[in-house]
mmCIF file of all heavy atoms, coordinates in Angstrom:
data_MODEL
# 
_entry.id   MODEL 
# 
loop_
_atom_site.group_PDB 
_atom_site.id 
_atom_site.type_symbol 
_atom_site.label_atom_id 
_atom_site.label_alt_id 
_atom_site.label_comp_id 
_atom_site.label_asym_id 
_atom_site.label_entity_id 
_atom_site.label_seq_id 
_atom_site.pdbx_PDB_ins_code 
_atom_site.Cartn_x 
_atom_site.Cartn_y 
_atom_site.Cartn_z 
_atom_site.occupancy 
_atom_site.B_iso_or_equiv 
_atom_site.pdbx_formal_charge 
_atom_site.auth_seq_id 
_atom_site.auth_comp_id 
_atom_site.auth_asym_id 
_atom_site.auth_atom_id 
_atom_site.pdbx_PDB_model_num 
ATOM 1   N N   . ASP A 1 1  ? -86.932 -4.761  -4.103  1.00 0.00 ? 1  ASP A N   1 
ATOM 2   C CA  . ASP A 1 1  ? -86.425 -5.397  -5.325  1.00 0.00 ? 1  ASP A CA  1 
ATOM 3   C C   . ASP A 1 1  ? -85.919 -4.398  -6.353  1.00 0.00 ? 1  ASP A C   1 
ATOM 4   O O   . ASP A 1 1  ? -85.415 -4.784  -7.409  1.00 0.00 ? 1  ASP A O   1 
ATOM 5   C CB  . ASP A 1 1  ? -87.479 -6.313  -5.937  1.00 0.00 ? 1  ASP A CB  1 
ATOM 6   C CG  . ASP A 1 1  ? -88.739 -5.574  -6.384  1.00 0.00 ? 1  ASP A CG  1 
ATOM 7   O OD1 . ASP A 1 1  ? -88.757 -4.327  -6.345  1.00 0.00 ? 1  ASP A OD1 1 
ATOM 8   O OD2 . ASP A 1 1  ? -89.710 -6.251  -6.769  1.00 0.00 ? 1  ASP A OD2 1 
ATOM 9   N N   . GLY A 1 2  ? -86.067 -3.097  -6.081  1.00 0.00 ? 2  GLY A N   1 
ATOM 10  C CA  . GLY A 1 2  ? -85.576 -2.073  -6.998  1.00 0.00 ? 2  GLY A CA  1 
ATOM 11  C C   . GLY A 1 2  ? -86.485 -1.788  -8.166  1.00 0.00 ? 2  GLY A C   1 
ATOM 12  O O   . GLY A 1 2  ? -86.182 -0.922  -8.988  1.00 0.00 ? 2  GLY A O   1 
ATOM 13  N N   . THR A 1 3  ? -87.604 -2.501  -8.263  1.00 0.00 ? 3  THR A N   1 
ATOM 14  C CA  . THR A 1 3  ? -88.530 -2.292  -9.381  1.00 0.00 ? 3  THR A CA  1 
ATOM 15  C C   . THR A 1 3  ? -89.895 -1.806  -8.903  1.00 0.00 ? 3  THR A C   1 
ATOM 16  O O   . THR A 1 3  ? -90.890 -1.933  -9.612  1.00 0.00 ? 3  THR A O   1 
ATOM 17  C CB  . THR A 1 3  ? -88.701 -3.578  -10.200 1.00 0.00 ? 3  THR A CB  1 
ATOM 18  O OG1 . THR A 1 3  ? -89.258 -4.613  -9.371  1.00 0.00 ? 3  THR A OG1 1 
ATOM 19  C CG2 . THR A 1 3  ? -87.377 -4.047  -10.767 1.00 0.00 ? 3  THR A CG2 1 
ATOM 20  N N   . GLY A 1 4  ? -89.943 -1.268  -7.682  1.00 0.00 ? 4  GLY A N   1 
ATOM 21  C CA  . GLY A 1 4  ? -91.175 -0.669  -7.190  1.00 0.00 ? 4  GLY A CA  1 
ATOM 22  C C   . GLY A 1 4  ? -91.863 -1.399  -6.058  1.00 0.00 ? 4  GLY A C   1 
ATOM 23  O O   . GLY A 1 4  ? -92.952 -0.993  -5.637  1.00 0.00 ? 4  GLY A O   1 
ATOM 24  N N   . HIS A 1 5  ? -91.260 -2.473  -5.540  1.00 0.00 ? 5  HIS A N   1 
ATOM 25  C CA  . HIS A 1 5  ? -91.935 -3.270  -4.518  1.00 0.00 ? 5  HIS A CA  1 
ATOM 26  C C   . HIS A 1 5  ? -91.091 -3.379  -3.249  1.00 0.00 ? 5  HIS A C   1 
ATOM 27  O O   . HIS A 1 5  ? -89.874 -3.543  -3.295  1.00 0.00 ? 5  HIS A O   1 
ATOM 28  C CB  . HIS A 1 5  ? -92.219 -4.678  -5.039  1.00 0.00 ? 5  HIS A CB  1 
ATOM 29  C CG  . HIS A 1 5  ? -92.916 -4.705  -6.353  1.00 0.00 ? 5  HIS A CG  1 
ATOM 30  N ND1 . HIS A 1 5  ? -94.235 -4.336  -6.508  1.00 0.00 ? 5  HIS A ND1 1 
ATOM 31  C CD2 . HIS A 1 5  ? -92.477 -5.038  -7.594  1.00 0.00 ? 5  HIS A CD2 1 
ATOM 32  C CE1 . HIS A 1 5  ? -94.585 -4.454  -7.770  1.00 0.00 ? 5  HIS A CE1 1 
ATOM 33  N NE2 . HIS A 1 5  ? -93.525 -4.867  -8.452  1.00 0.00 ? 5  HIS A NE2 1 
ATOM 34  N N   . PHE A 1 6  ? -91.792 -3.331  -2.104  1.00 0.00 ? 6  PHE A N   1 
ATOM 35  C CA  . PHE A 1 6  ? -91.230 -3.677  -0.809  1.00 0.00 ? 6  PHE A CA  1 
ATOM 36  C C   . PHE A 1 6  ? -91.892 -4.977  -0.353  1.00 0.00 ? 6  PHE A C   1 
ATOM 37  O O   . PHE A 1 6  ? -93.042 -5.257  -0.702  1.00 0.00 ? 6  PHE A O   1 
ATOM 38  C CB  . PHE A 1 6  ? -91.504 -2.595  0.240   1.00 0.00 ? 6  PHE A CB  1 
ATOM 39  C CG  . PHE A 1 6  ? -90.795 -1.290  -0.007  1.00 0.00 ? 6  PHE A CG  1 
ATOM 40  C CD1 . PHE A 1 6  ? -91.517 -0.105  -0.119  1.00 0.00 ? 6  PHE A CD1 1 
ATOM 41  C CD2 . PHE A 1 6  ? -89.422 -1.237  -0.101  1.00 0.00 ? 6  PHE A CD2 1 
ATOM 42  C CE1 . PHE A 1 6  ? -90.870 1.101   -0.330  1.00 0.00 ? 6  PHE A CE1 1 
ATOM 43  C CE2 . PHE A 1 6  ? -88.763 -0.046  -0.306  1.00 0.00 ? 6  PHE A CE2 1 
ATOM 44  C CZ  . PHE A 1 6  ? -89.489 1.125   -0.427  1.00 0.00 ? 6  PHE A CZ  1 
ATOM 45  N N   . TYR A 1 7  ? -91.162 -5.725  0.445   1.00 0.00 ? 7  TYR A N   1 
ATOM 46  C CA  . TYR A 1 7  ? -91.705 -6.968  0.988   1.00 0.00 ? 7  TYR A CA  1 
ATOM 47  C C   . TYR A 1 7  ? -91.401 -7.037  2.480   1.00 0.00 ? 7  TYR A C   1 
ATOM 48  O O   . TYR A 1 7  ? -90.239 -6.957  2.879   1.00 0.00 ? 7  TYR A O   1 
ATOM 49  C CB  . TYR A 1 7  ? -91.091 -8.190  0.292   1.00 0.00 ? 7  TYR A CB  1 
ATOM 50  C CG  . TYR A 1 7  ? -91.273 -8.191  -1.209  1.00 0.00 ? 7  TYR A CG  1 
ATOM 51  C CD1 . TYR A 1 7  ? -90.308 -7.617  -2.034  1.00 0.00 ? 7  TYR A CD1 1 
ATOM 52  C CD2 . TYR A 1 7  ? -92.406 -8.748  -1.796  1.00 0.00 ? 7  TYR A CD2 1 
ATOM 53  C CE1 . TYR A 1 7  ? -90.467 -7.606  -3.409  1.00 0.00 ? 7  TYR A CE1 1 
ATOM 54  C CE2 . TYR A 1 7  ? -92.578 -8.744  -3.176  1.00 0.00 ? 7  TYR A CE2 1 
ATOM 55  C CZ  . TYR A 1 7  ? -91.606 -8.173  -3.977  1.00 0.00 ? 7  TYR A CZ  1 
ATOM 56  O OH  . TYR A 1 7  ? -91.765 -8.153  -5.340  1.00 0.00 ? 7  TYR A OH  1 
ATOM 57  N N   . ARG A 1 8  ? -92.456 -7.176  3.267   1.00 0.00 ? 8  ARG A N   1 
ATOM 58  C CA  . ARG A 1 8  ? -92.253 -7.437  4.694   1.00 0.00 ? 8  ARG A CA  1 
ATOM 59  C C   . ARG A 1 8  ? -92.028 -8.932  4.839   1.00 0.00 ? 8  ARG A C   1 
ATOM 60  O O   . ARG A 1 8  ? -92.835 -9.743  4.369   1.00 0.00 ? 8  ARG A O   1 
ATOM 61  C CB  . ARG A 1 8  ? -93.465 -6.982  5.505   1.00 0.00 ? 8  ARG A CB  1 
ATOM 62  C CG  . ARG A 1 8  ? -93.272 -7.089  7.015   1.00 0.00 ? 8  ARG A CG  1 
ATOM 63  C CD  . ARG A 1 8  ? -94.410 -6.396  7.761   1.00 0.00 ? 8  ARG A CD  1 
ATOM 64  N NE  . ARG A 1 8  ? -95.681 -7.048  7.545   1.00 0.00 ? 8  ARG A NE  1 
ATOM 65  C CZ  . ARG A 1 8  ? -96.154 -8.076  8.268   1.00 0.00 ? 8  ARG A CZ  1 
ATOM 66  N NH1 . ARG A 1 8  ? -95.413 -8.569  9.276   1.00 0.00 ? 8  ARG A NH1 1 
ATOM 67  N NH2 . ARG A 1 8  ? -97.323 -8.613  8.003   1.00 0.00 ? 8  ARG A NH2 1 
ATOM 68  N N   . ALA A 1 9  ? -90.916 -9.296  5.444   1.00 0.00 ? 9  ALA A N   1 
ATOM 69  C CA  . ALA A 1 9  ? -90.534 -10.703 5.497   1.00 0.00 ? 9  ALA A CA  1 
ATOM 70  C C   . ALA A 1 9  ? -90.058 -11.094 6.886   1.00 0.00 ? 9  ALA A C   1 
ATOM 71  O O   . ALA A 1 9  ? -89.786 -10.235 7.734   1.00 0.00 ? 9  ALA A O   1 
ATOM 72  C CB  . ALA A 1 9  ? -89.443 -10.992 4.464   1.00 0.00 ? 9  ALA A CB  1 
ATOM 73  N N   . GLU A 1 10 ? -89.961 -12.388 7.084   1.00 0.00 ? 10 GLU A N   1 
ATOM 74  C CA  . GLU A 1 10 ? -89.485 -12.937 8.358   1.00 0.00 ? 10 GLU A CA  1 
ATOM 75  C C   . GLU A 1 10 ? -88.369 -13.932 8.082   1.00 0.00 ? 10 GLU A C   1 
ATOM 76  O O   . GLU A 1 10 ? -88.461 -14.729 7.135   1.00 0.00 ? 10 GLU A O   1 
ATOM 77  C CB  . GLU A 1 10 ? -90.627 -13.637 9.083   1.00 0.00 ? 10 GLU A CB  1 
ATOM 78  C CG  . GLU A 1 10 ? -90.247 -14.236 10.426  1.00 0.00 ? 10 GLU A CG  1 
ATOM 79  C CD  . GLU A 1 10 ? -91.423 -14.935 11.088  1.00 0.00 ? 10 GLU A CD  1 
ATOM 80  O OE1 . GLU A 1 10 ? -91.668 -16.113 10.775  1.00 0.00 ? 10 GLU A OE1 1 
ATOM 81  O OE2 . GLU A 1 10 ? -92.098 -14.266 11.898  1.00 0.00 ? 10 GLU A OE2 1 
ATOM 82  N N   . ILE A 1 11 ? -87.330 -13.860 8.875   1.00 0.00 ? 11 ILE A N   1 
ATOM 83  C CA  . ILE A 1 11 ? -86.228 -14.815 8.728   1.00 0.00 ? 11 ILE A CA  1 
ATOM 84  C C   . ILE A 1 11 ? -86.693 -16.188 9.220   1.00 0.00 ? 11 ILE A C   1 
ATOM 85  O O   . ILE A 1 11 ? -87.217 -16.317 10.330  1.00 0.00 ? 11 ILE A O   1 
ATOM 86  C CB  . ILE A 1 11 ? -84.992 -14.354 9.517   1.00 0.00 ? 11 ILE A CB  1 
ATOM 87  C CG1 . ILE A 1 11 ? -84.466 -13.027 8.935   1.00 0.00 ? 11 ILE A CG1 1 
ATOM 88  C CG2 . ILE A 1 11 ? -83.895 -15.418 9.474   1.00 0.00 ? 11 ILE A CG2 1 
ATOM 89  C CD1 . ILE A 1 11 ? -83.295 -12.451 9.694   1.00 0.00 ? 11 ILE A CD1 1 
ATOM 90  N N   . THR A 1 12 ? -86.504 -17.190 8.380   1.00 0.00 ? 12 THR A N   1 
ATOM 91  C CA  . THR A 1 12 ? -86.955 -18.545 8.726   1.00 0.00 ? 12 THR A CA  1 
ATOM 92  C C   . THR A 1 12 ? -85.828 -19.467 9.156   1.00 0.00 ? 12 THR A C   1 
ATOM 93  O O   . THR A 1 12 ? -86.052 -20.417 9.907   1.00 0.00 ? 12 THR A O   1 
ATOM 94  C CB  . THR A 1 12 ? -87.688 -19.176 7.532   1.00 0.00 ? 12 THR A CB  1 
ATOM 95  O OG1 . THR A 1 12 ? -86.817 -19.181 6.386   1.00 0.00 ? 12 THR A OG1 1 
ATOM 96  C CG2 . THR A 1 12 ? -88.953 -18.383 7.197   1.00 0.00 ? 12 THR A CG2 1 
ATOM 97  N N   . ALA A 1 13 ? -84.607 -19.196 8.678   1.00 0.00 ? 13 ALA A N   1 
ATOM 98  C CA  . ALA A 1 13 ? -83.463 -20.050 9.051   1.00 0.00 ? 13 ALA A CA  1 
ATOM 99  C C   . ALA A 1 13 ? -82.176 -19.308 8.736   1.00 0.00 ? 13 ALA A C   1 
ATOM 100 O O   . ALA A 1 13 ? -82.119 -18.497 7.807   1.00 0.00 ? 13 ALA A O   1 
ATOM 101 C CB  . ALA A 1 13 ? -83.506 -21.386 8.302   1.00 0.00 ? 13 ALA A CB  1 
ATOM 102 N N   . THR A 1 14 ? -81.144 -19.592 9.503   1.00 0.00 ? 14 THR A N   1 
ATOM 103 C CA  . THR A 1 14 ? -79.843 -18.967 9.279   1.00 0.00 ? 14 THR A CA  1 
ATOM 104 C C   . THR A 1 14 ? -78.738 -19.989 9.468   1.00 0.00 ? 14 THR A C   1 
ATOM 105 O O   . THR A 1 14 ? -78.897 -20.996 10.153  1.00 0.00 ? 14 THR A O   1 
ATOM 106 C CB  . THR A 1 14 ? -79.599 -17.803 10.264  1.00 0.00 ? 14 THR A CB  1 
ATOM 107 O OG1 . THR A 1 14 ? -79.543 -18.319 11.597  1.00 0.00 ? 14 THR A OG1 1 
ATOM 108 C CG2 . THR A 1 14 ? -80.679 -16.743 10.154  1.00 0.00 ? 14 THR A CG2 1 
ATOM 109 N N   . SER A 1 15 ? -77.605 -19.692 8.826   1.00 0.00 ? 15 SER A N   1 
ATOM 110 C CA  . SER A 1 15 ? -76.367 -20.443 9.059   1.00 0.00 ? 15 SER A CA  1 
ATOM 111 C C   . SER A 1 15 ? -75.241 -19.431 9.015   1.00 0.00 ? 15 SER A C   1 
ATOM 112 O O   . SER A 1 15 ? -75.496 -18.223 9.006   1.00 0.00 ? 15 SER A O   1 
ATOM 113 C CB  . SER A 1 15 ? -76.185 -21.537 7.998   1.00 0.00 ? 15 SER A CB  1 
ATOM 114 O OG  . SER A 1 15 ? -75.967 -20.967 6.723   1.00 0.00 ? 15 SER A OG  1 
ATOM 115 N N   . SER A 1 16 ? -74.018 -19.868 8.958   1.00 0.00 ? 16 SER A N   1 
ATOM 116 C CA  . SER A 1 16 ? -72.900 -18.928 8.991   1.00 0.00 ? 16 SER A CA  1 
ATOM 117 C C   . SER A 1 16 ? -72.898 -17.980 7.804   1.00 0.00 ? 16 SER A C   1 
ATOM 118 O O   . SER A 1 16 ? -72.456 -16.832 7.901   1.00 0.00 ? 16 SER A O   1 
ATOM 119 C CB  . SER A 1 16 ? -71.574 -19.682 9.047   1.00 0.00 ? 16 SER A CB  1 
ATOM 120 O OG  . SER A 1 16 ? -71.440 -20.523 7.903   1.00 0.00 ? 16 SER A OG  1 
ATOM 121 N N   . LYS A 1 17 ? -73.401 -18.429 6.652   1.00 0.00 ? 17 LYS A N   1 
ATOM 122 C CA  . LYS A 1 17 ? -73.348 -17.607 5.442   1.00 0.00 ? 17 LYS A CA  1 
ATOM 123 C C   . LYS A 1 17 ? -74.694 -17.472 4.735   1.00 0.00 ? 17 LYS A C   1 
ATOM 124 O O   . LYS A 1 17 ? -74.770 -16.844 3.682   1.00 0.00 ? 17 LYS A O   1 
ATOM 125 C CB  . LYS A 1 17 ? -72.333 -18.191 4.458   1.00 0.00 ? 17 LYS A CB  1 
ATOM 126 C CG  . LYS A 1 17 ? -70.894 -18.187 4.953   1.00 0.00 ? 17 LYS A CG  1 
ATOM 127 C CD  . LYS A 1 17 ? -69.960 -18.739 3.895   1.00 0.00 ? 17 LYS A CD  1 
ATOM 128 C CE  . LYS A 1 17 ? -68.508 -18.732 4.387   1.00 0.00 ? 17 LYS A CE  1 
ATOM 129 N NZ  . LYS A 1 17 ? -67.580 -19.292 3.350   1.00 0.00 ? 17 LYS A NZ  1 
ATOM 130 N N   . HIS A 1 18 ? -75.737 -18.049 5.287   1.00 0.00 ? 18 HIS A N   1 
ATOM 131 C CA  . HIS A 1 18 ? -77.031 -18.057 4.602   1.00 0.00 ? 18 HIS A CA  1 
ATOM 132 C C   . HIS A 1 18 ? -78.123 -17.512 5.509   1.00 0.00 ? 18 HIS A C   1 
ATOM 133 O O   . HIS A 1 18 ? -78.120 -17.724 6.723   1.00 0.00 ? 18 HIS A O   1 
ATOM 134 C CB  . HIS A 1 18 ? -77.392 -19.479 4.154   1.00 0.00 ? 18 HIS A CB  1 
ATOM 135 C CG  . HIS A 1 18 ? -76.397 -20.082 3.213   1.00 0.00 ? 18 HIS A CG  1 
ATOM 136 N ND1 . HIS A 1 18 ? -76.404 -19.839 1.856   1.00 0.00 ? 18 HIS A ND1 1 
ATOM 137 C CD2 . HIS A 1 18 ? -75.341 -20.914 3.439   1.00 0.00 ? 18 HIS A CD2 1 
ATOM 138 C CE1 . HIS A 1 18 ? -75.413 -20.498 1.276   1.00 0.00 ? 18 HIS A CE1 1 
ATOM 139 N NE2 . HIS A 1 18 ? -74.744 -21.155 2.225   1.00 0.00 ? 18 HIS A NE2 1 
ATOM 140 N N   . CYS A 1 19 ? -79.060 -16.814 4.872   1.00 0.00 ? 19 CYS A N   1 
ATOM 141 C CA  . CYS A 1 19 ? -80.183 -16.238 5.604   1.00 0.00 ? 19 CYS A CA  1 
ATOM 142 C C   . CYS A 1 19 ? -81.446 -16.447 4.760   1.00 0.00 ? 19 CYS A C   1 
ATOM 143 O O   . CYS A 1 19 ? -81.618 -15.813 3.720   1.00 0.00 ? 19 CYS A O   1 
ATOM 144 C CB  . CYS A 1 19 ? -79.953 -14.751 5.865   1.00 0.00 ? 19 CYS A CB  1 
ATOM 145 S SG  . CYS A 1 19 ? -81.247 -13.962 6.843   1.00 0.00 ? 19 CYS A SG  1 
ATOM 146 N N   . LEU A 1 20 ? -82.310 -17.348 5.201   1.00 0.00 ? 20 LEU A N   1 
ATOM 147 C CA  . LEU A 1 20 ? -83.540 -17.665 4.484   1.00 0.00 ? 20 LEU A CA  1 
ATOM 148 C C   . LEU A 1 20 ? -84.683 -16.816 5.029   1.00 0.00 ? 20 LEU A C   1 
ATOM 149 O O   . LEU A 1 20 ? -84.705 -16.471 6.214   1.00 0.00 ? 20 LEU A O   1 
ATOM 150 C CB  . LEU A 1 20 ? -83.869 -19.147 4.621   1.00 0.00 ? 20 LEU A CB  1 
ATOM 151 C CG  . LEU A 1 20 ? -82.785 -20.134 4.179   1.00 0.00 ? 20 LEU A CG  1 
ATOM 152 C CD1 . LEU A 1 20 ? -83.282 -21.562 4.321   1.00 0.00 ? 20 LEU A CD1 1 
ATOM 153 C CD2 . LEU A 1 20 ? -82.348 -19.858 2.748   1.00 0.00 ? 20 LEU A CD2 1 
ATOM 154 N N   . TYR A 1 21 ? -85.644 -16.514 4.160   1.00 0.00 ? 21 TYR A N   1 
ATOM 155 C CA  . TYR A 1 21 ? -86.764 -15.680 4.583   1.00 0.00 ? 21 TYR A CA  1 
ATOM 156 C C   . TYR A 1 21 ? -88.062 -16.173 3.955   1.00 0.00 ? 21 TYR A C   1 
ATOM 157 O O   . TYR A 1 21 ? -88.074 -16.921 2.965   1.00 0.00 ? 21 TYR A O   1 
ATOM 158 C CB  . TYR A 1 21 ? -86.531 -14.214 4.190   1.00 0.00 ? 21 TYR A CB  1 
ATOM 159 C CG  . TYR A 1 21 ? -86.443 -13.956 2.700   1.00 0.00 ? 21 TYR A CG  1 
ATOM 160 C CD1 . TYR A 1 21 ? -87.602 -13.824 1.924   1.00 0.00 ? 21 TYR A CD1 1 
ATOM 161 C CD2 . TYR A 1 21 ? -85.214 -13.829 2.061   1.00 0.00 ? 21 TYR A CD2 1 
ATOM 162 C CE1 . TYR A 1 21 ? -87.523 -13.573 0.558   1.00 0.00 ? 21 TYR A CE1 1 
ATOM 163 C CE2 . TYR A 1 21 ? -85.129 -13.586 0.704   1.00 0.00 ? 21 TYR A CE2 1 
ATOM 164 C CZ  . TYR A 1 21 ? -86.286 -13.461 -0.048  1.00 0.00 ? 21 TYR A CZ  1 
ATOM 165 O OH  . TYR A 1 21 ? -86.213 -13.224 -1.394  1.00 0.00 ? 21 TYR A OH  1 
ATOM 166 N N   . SER A 1 22 ? -89.144 -15.701 4.542   1.00 0.00 ? 22 SER A N   1 
ATOM 167 C CA  . SER A 1 22 ? -90.480 -15.956 4.024   1.00 0.00 ? 22 SER A CA  1 
ATOM 168 C C   . SER A 1 22 ? -91.211 -14.621 3.939   1.00 0.00 ? 22 SER A C   1 
ATOM 169 O O   . SER A 1 22 ? -91.188 -13.832 4.892   1.00 0.00 ? 22 SER A O   1 
ATOM 170 C CB  . SER A 1 22 ? -91.240 -16.910 4.954   1.00 0.00 ? 22 SER A CB  1 
ATOM 171 O OG  . SER A 1 22 ? -92.580 -17.067 4.524   1.00 0.00 ? 22 SER A OG  1 
ATOM 172 N N   . ILE A 1 23 ? -91.837 -14.357 2.804   1.00 0.00 ? 23 ILE A N   1 
ATOM 173 C CA  . ILE A 1 23 ? -92.524 -13.074 2.597   1.00 0.00 ? 23 ILE A CA  1 
ATOM 174 C C   . ILE A 1 23 ? -93.881 -13.097 3.291   1.00 0.00 ? 23 ILE A C   1 
ATOM 175 O O   . ILE A 1 23 ? -94.679 -14.024 3.112   1.00 0.00 ? 23 ILE A O   1 
ATOM 176 C CB  . ILE A 1 23 ? -92.684 -12.777 1.099   1.00 0.00 ? 23 ILE A CB  1 
ATOM 177 C CG1 . ILE A 1 23 ? -91.305 -12.503 0.474   1.00 0.00 ? 23 ILE A CG1 1 
ATOM 178 C CG2 . ILE A 1 23 ? -93.616 -11.581 0.879   1.00 0.00 ? 23 ILE A CG2 1 
ATOM 179 C CD1 . ILE A 1 23 ? -91.333 -12.275 -1.017  1.00 0.00 ? 23 ILE A CD1 1 
ATOM 180 N N   . LEU A 1 24 ? -94.142 -12.071 4.074   1.00 0.00 ? 24 LEU A N   1 
ATOM 181 C CA  . LEU A 1 24 ? -95.401 -11.941 4.805   1.00 0.00 ? 24 LEU A CA  1 
ATOM 182 C C   . LEU A 1 24 ? -96.374 -10.992 4.122   1.00 0.00 ? 24 LEU A C   1 
ATOM 183 O O   . LEU A 1 24 ? -97.590 -11.164 4.206   1.00 0.00 ? 24 LEU A O   1 
ATOM 184 C CB  . LEU A 1 24 ? -95.141 -11.439 6.234   1.00 0.00 ? 24 LEU A CB  1 
ATOM 185 C CG  . LEU A 1 24 ? -94.163 -12.252 7.077   1.00 0.00 ? 24 LEU A CG  1 
ATOM 186 C CD1 . LEU A 1 24 ? -93.920 -11.545 8.409   1.00 0.00 ? 24 LEU A CD1 1 
ATOM 187 C CD2 . LEU A 1 24 ? -94.680 -13.667 7.291   1.00 0.00 ? 24 LEU A CD2 1 
ATOM 188 N N   . GLU A 1 25 ? -95.821 -9.973  3.445   1.00 0.00 ? 25 GLU A N   1 
ATOM 189 C CA  . GLU A 1 25 ? -96.675 -8.951  2.846   1.00 0.00 ? 25 GLU A CA  1 
ATOM 190 C C   . GLU A 1 25 ? -95.921 -8.266  1.710   1.00 0.00 ? 25 GLU A C   1 
ATOM 191 O O   . GLU A 1 25 ? -94.722 -8.014  1.807   1.00 0.00 ? 25 GLU A O   1 
ATOM 192 C CB  . GLU A 1 25 ? -97.068 -7.910  3.905   1.00 0.00 ? 25 GLU A CB  1 
ATOM 193 C CG  . GLU A 1 25 ? -97.950 -6.790  3.403   1.00 0.00 ? 25 GLU A CG  1 
ATOM 194 C CD  . GLU A 1 25 ? -98.210 -5.729  4.461   1.00 0.00 ? 25 GLU A CD  1 
ATOM 195 O OE1 . GLU A 1 25 ? -97.575 -5.797  5.545   1.00 0.00 ? 25 GLU A OE1 1 
ATOM 196 O OE2 . GLU A 1 25 ? -99.032 -4.839  4.207   1.00 0.00 ? 25 GLU A OE2 1 
# 
């Protein structure tokens, strides 16, 4: 996020122009 945090995430859904995710850690 550029403010000091990393997020391990998983892609939950995709389309031609969209990529949804869910944060795991």
